[in-house]
Amino acid sequence: MQLLITLDFRFTRTPDGRIWTRTSYSLPFWDRYLKVLDGVKVVARAEHKPAVDHRYRPVVGAGVEFIEVPYYLGPWQYAKVRGRVRAAVRSALAPDDAVLCRVGSRVATDLLPLLWKQGRPYGLEVVGDPHEAFAPGAVKHPLRPFFRYLSTRALKEQCARAAAVSYVTERALQRHYPARNHGFAVGVSDADLQETYFRSVPRVFTTSYSSTDLSVDDYAPGPKKYASPIRPRLVFVGSLEQMYKGQDVLIRAVSVLSRRAFPVELRIIGDGRHRSELEELARSLSLNGSVKFLGELPAGIAVRSQLDDASLMVLPSRTEGLPRVVVEAMARGLPCIATSVGGIPELLHPDDLVPPNDPQALADKIQQVICDPSRLCRMSARNLRKAQEFRPEVLEKKRTEFYEFLRDVTKVWLSSRGQVAA
C-alpha cells in the first residue's frame, strides 16, 4: 500500500526534474513511513530554479516519489491557481492509497472534502496552531483576522472527521483541535467486518510525537557549567520568512538591555524575506555590533557549534507547535528562554517562560538568568534530562503504531468496498 502525504512546504525543482530541499523533508525523512507502507507519494509545491548548490539535499529516491502542484506564494497567488491545485491534488490520489496530511495546509484543505464525500479514512499530523499563526503581529496582511477564523475552523473540522490524529504536543493542540470518537465510521454493509476490526482498537486513534529527529551526536555528553560571562551570547534559530518567531521582539529586548548597560551579543541563524527589515530594525536601535545575522546554516554540525558557543537560546515566538530548535538546544544542554505559547510550556520549566510580544519582560528574564550562573547550570541539566524523551527509539514506537493503524483502517475501508490493497 502506498501512502499519499500532503504538506504545505516549498520544495525546489531543477530542470532535470529532481526535487530538492535545503531544510526539512530530505530523502532520509521518509524512512519512518516506509517502515510500514510500501511507498510514499509526496504532494506539494516546488519552485523551479535553474540550479542548486551544495546546501540542497535530494527528496526523491527508492520508494519516494513527488507529485507537484502548481506553485504559489501567499493567499493572492493561491487564489489564482486554486482550481489547478485542487485538480492536481485529487488526481494524485489512487483508489487504494492510504492518506496522511500534515496540517495546517492549503493542499490538505483541497483534498479532504473529497475524502469526506467518499467516507474514506485519513490521518493527520497536526504540527501547528493556525489561531496563533494568524495572531496579531505574526502576519502582516489586511485579511489576517479572516484567515485566522477560516483556518482555525477548518482544522477543527479536519481533526473531528479524521480516523487517526497525531499531535506534536502532549496537550496544547489537543485542547483546541480534538479528535472525535464519532468522527470516522467505515461505511460498510458488512457490519461484522467493522465490528471485528474495531473490537480491539479505538475507532479514532490519537497519539503525540515530535517531528524532531535527533541522533546520538545531537546530545551533549553532560550539562554545561557556567561562571559569570563577560559578554553573554544569545542565539536564535528560525526562519525569517514570517514574524511568527518574534524576532523583532528579541531585537527590541536586546536594545532594552543595551540601554541598561547590560550588553549581550545576539546571533540570529536563519533567512527569509523579513531579514532586511530586521537588519534595519537593529541599525535603527544602534545595535550593529550586538546583533549578527548569520543567515541559514546547514543542519547538523554548523548549527550545533553555534548552540555550543551560546550562553542562552531565546525563542520569543508568537505561535508554535512544538519547536524543533528548542528540543535541539535542550539536547545540547543549552538553557532556553521562550514564550508560553503552543507546546513550549510542555518543554520548559515555568520559570523559563515569558509572555509573547513583551520586549521588557523578555529583557528582564534574560538579565535575571544570565546574572545567575547557578540557575544556568540547573536549566542546562533540566533541559538535557527532558531532551531524553525525544530520543529516536522513544519516538519511533509511537510513529510506527500510528502508521500501522492508518494502514490497517484503510485496508478495512477498501474491503468494505470490495477492493484489495495493492
Foldseek 3Di string as FASTA:
>chain_A
DEEEEEEEDEWAAEPVGFIKDLADQAQVLCVLLVVADVAYEYEYAYHYDHDDDPSIHTRDDVRYHYQHFYDDDDDVRCVVCVVRLLVSLQVVDDPQHQYEYEDDDPSCVSPVVVCVVVLFAHEYEDWWALLLCLPPPFDDDPCSVVSNVVSLVVQLLVQQQHQEYEAQAPPQVCVSRPHHLPNGDQPFPPVVLRCVVCVPPGSHHYYYHHSAADDPVLAAPAADADDQDPAAEEEEEDEPATCQQVLVLQLVLQLVCVVVVRHHAYEYEYYHDCPVVSVVSCVVSVNVVRYHYPYHDRPDPVVSVVLLPGQEYETAGSIGADDNVLLSSLSHLHAYAYAPHHRVCVQAPPLRYDHHPDSNRVSVSVVVCSVDSVNRRVRSRSSNVSSVCNHPVNRSVVSSVRSNVSSVVSQSSQVSVVHHRD
